[in-house]
Protein backbone atom coordinates (compact mmCIF):
# COMPACT_ATOMS: atom_id res chain seq x y z
CA MET A 1 8.48 53.58 -4.70
CA LYS A 2 7.88 56.76 -6.09
CA LYS A 3 9.42 56.40 -9.63
CA THR A 4 7.39 53.17 -9.30
CA ILE A 5 4.31 54.77 -9.31
CA VAL A 6 5.51 57.54 -11.95
CA SER A 7 5.80 54.75 -14.29
CA VAL A 8 2.65 53.10 -14.04
CA ILE A 9 0.78 56.36 -13.98
CA VAL A 10 3.40 56.85 -17.25
CA ILE A 11 2.21 54.15 -19.06
CA VAL A 12 -1.75 54.25 -18.27
CA LEU A 13 -1.71 57.23 -19.75
CA ALA A 14 0.06 56.41 -22.64
CA CYS A 15 -2.43 53.66 -23.60
CA LEU A 16 -5.37 55.51 -22.93
CA ALA A 17 -3.86 58.09 -25.44
CA MET A 18 -3.14 54.92 -27.98
CA TYR A 19 -7.00 53.95 -26.97
CA PHE A 20 -8.73 57.04 -27.99
CA ILE A 21 -6.49 57.86 -30.85
CA ALA A 22 -7.25 54.49 -32.46
CA ARG A 23 -11.00 55.34 -31.73
CA SER A 24 -10.84 59.05 -33.90
CA PHE A 25 -10.01 57.28 -36.92
CA GLY A 26 -13.52 57.12 -39.22
CA PRO A 27 -14.05 55.44 -42.30
CA SER A 28 -12.43 58.50 -43.93
CA ALA A 29 -8.73 57.41 -42.82
CA ALA A 30 -10.00 53.52 -44.61
CA PRO A 31 -8.37 52.74 -47.71
CA SER A 32 -11.70 53.07 -50.43
CA SER A 33 -9.80 50.26 -52.75
CA VAL A 34 -10.04 47.30 -50.16
CA PRO A 35 -12.60 44.71 -51.74
CA ALA A 36 -15.40 43.36 -49.94
CA VAL A 37 -14.86 40.20 -48.70
CA GLU A 38 -17.62 37.52 -50.10
CA THR A 39 -18.09 33.81 -51.47
CA ALA A 40 -21.30 31.81 -52.42
CA ALA A 41 -20.65 29.45 -49.45
CA GLN A 42 -20.26 33.27 -47.02
CA THR A 43 -22.98 34.40 -48.37
CA GLY A 44 -25.63 30.76 -47.46
CA SER A 45 -26.65 31.11 -51.19
CA SER A 46 -26.39 28.30 -53.74
CA ALA A 47 -28.25 30.32 -56.42
CA THR A 48 -26.33 30.38 -59.58
CA PRO A 49 -25.76 34.29 -61.41
CA ALA A 50 -28.62 33.70 -63.43
CA GLN A 51 -30.84 32.39 -60.33
CA ALA A 52 -29.91 35.53 -58.47
CA SER A 53 -30.49 38.50 -60.86
CA VAL A 54 -33.92 37.37 -61.15
CA SER A 55 -35.23 36.62 -57.30
CA ASN A 56 -37.90 38.56 -55.03
CA ALA A 57 -34.68 38.90 -52.31
CA PRO A 58 -35.11 41.00 -49.37
CA ALA A 59 -33.56 44.30 -49.59
CA PRO A 60 -30.00 44.08 -48.36
CA VAL A 61 -29.39 45.22 -44.62
CA ALA A 62 -25.67 47.15 -43.45
CA VAL A 63 -24.04 46.77 -39.86
CA ASN A 64 -21.60 49.25 -39.56
CA ILE A 65 -18.38 48.33 -37.13
CA ARG A 66 -17.27 51.45 -35.52
CA ASN A 67 -15.94 52.47 -32.28
CA PHE A 68 -15.38 49.06 -31.06
CA SER A 69 -19.47 48.16 -31.41
CA PHE A 70 -22.04 46.72 -34.20
CA SER A 71 -24.47 48.93 -35.19
CA PRO A 72 -27.19 47.69 -35.19
CA ALA A 73 -26.25 46.03 -32.17
CA THR A 74 -29.67 43.71 -33.42
CA LEU A 75 -31.73 43.34 -36.28
CA ALA A 76 -34.83 42.22 -37.46
CA VAL A 77 -34.63 40.29 -41.20
CA PRO A 78 -37.06 38.11 -42.91
CA ALA A 79 -35.35 35.00 -44.58
CA GLY A 80 -33.79 35.05 -47.41
CA THR A 81 -32.18 38.83 -46.11
CA LYS A 82 -28.44 39.59 -47.08
CA VAL A 83 -26.48 41.61 -43.79
CA THR A 84 -23.23 43.59 -45.14
CA TRP A 85 -21.10 44.08 -42.03
CA THR A 86 -18.77 47.17 -43.32
CA ASN A 87 -15.71 47.77 -40.61
CA GLY A 88 -14.86 51.56 -39.93
CA ASP A 89 -12.49 51.52 -37.17
CA ALA A 90 -8.97 51.64 -37.68
CA VAL A 91 -8.32 48.23 -36.89
CA GLU A 92 -9.80 44.58 -37.93
CA HIS A 93 -12.61 43.18 -36.69
CA THR A 94 -14.04 39.72 -37.22
CA VAL A 95 -17.90 39.31 -37.94
CA THR A 96 -17.96 35.35 -35.95
CA ALA A 97 -21.44 33.61 -35.56
CA ASN A 98 -21.35 32.25 -32.17
CA ASN A 99 -22.91 28.78 -33.52
CA SER A 100 -19.77 28.90 -36.48
CA LEU A 101 -22.47 29.49 -39.12
CA PHE A 102 -20.25 32.22 -40.49
CA ASP A 103 -16.94 33.58 -39.61
CA SER A 104 -15.52 36.41 -41.86
CA LYS A 105 -11.78 35.96 -40.75
CA PRO A 106 -10.22 39.47 -39.83
CA LEU A 107 -11.49 42.46 -41.50
CA ALA A 108 -8.78 44.81 -42.38
CA PRO A 109 -10.52 48.78 -42.00
CA GLY A 110 -12.52 49.49 -45.06
CA GLN A 111 -13.22 45.61 -45.58
CA SER A 112 -17.05 44.25 -45.91
CA PHE A 113 -18.34 40.66 -45.35
CA SER A 114 -22.12 39.64 -46.16
CA TYR A 115 -23.89 36.65 -45.35
CA THR A 116 -27.36 36.03 -47.12
CA PHE A 117 -29.71 34.65 -43.88
CA THR A 118 -31.39 32.11 -44.72
CA THR A 119 -33.06 30.22 -42.14
CA ALA A 120 -35.23 31.58 -39.55
CA GLY A 121 -33.99 32.00 -35.45
CA SER A 122 -31.92 33.87 -33.64
CA VAL A 123 -27.81 34.02 -34.69
CA ALA A 124 -25.51 35.57 -31.81
CA TYR A 125 -22.17 36.68 -33.15
CA HIS A 126 -19.30 38.80 -31.61
CA CYS A 127 -15.63 39.82 -32.82
CA ALA A 128 -13.10 37.17 -32.23
CA ILE A 129 -10.50 39.69 -31.84
CA HIS A 130 -12.88 41.83 -29.47
CA PRO A 131 -15.03 39.32 -27.78
CA MET A 132 -17.22 42.54 -25.65
CA MET A 133 -18.18 43.35 -29.28
CA THR A 134 -21.69 41.44 -29.34
CA GLY A 135 -24.52 41.63 -32.02
CA THR A 136 -27.86 39.06 -32.76
CA VAL A 137 -29.66 38.55 -35.85
CA VAL A 138 -33.23 37.45 -35.38
CA VAL A 139 -34.05 35.98 -38.70
CA ARG A 140 -38.29 36.00 -39.17
């Protein structure tokens, strides 16, 4: 019985150590040459490259993925805003809309995903790998 208790304590301590080690890695541990993940379908844009360069689009907005959370977790943007999420954690995450509007697929550390919001409303999203990670974009 005593060996079982000691074994359980050792396992719990090892899990906690791994958790805190994973959290200690920041963007500096991520490779800098990982490209952004983005397609016309993911950005919600049907504009050609020429049209895209001559637009009055709102300034892009950045969301950081760090310490198993989205920051900021809630943001309000005007329609037409491009939001880019960048994974600053040492593990993969996704950016997945609860209503299936977008899904980044797994983002490796350092990778980014962008989506352009074109319709007013509230879009809740989460990390499909870590469902406790949630966020909301309110489009005006």
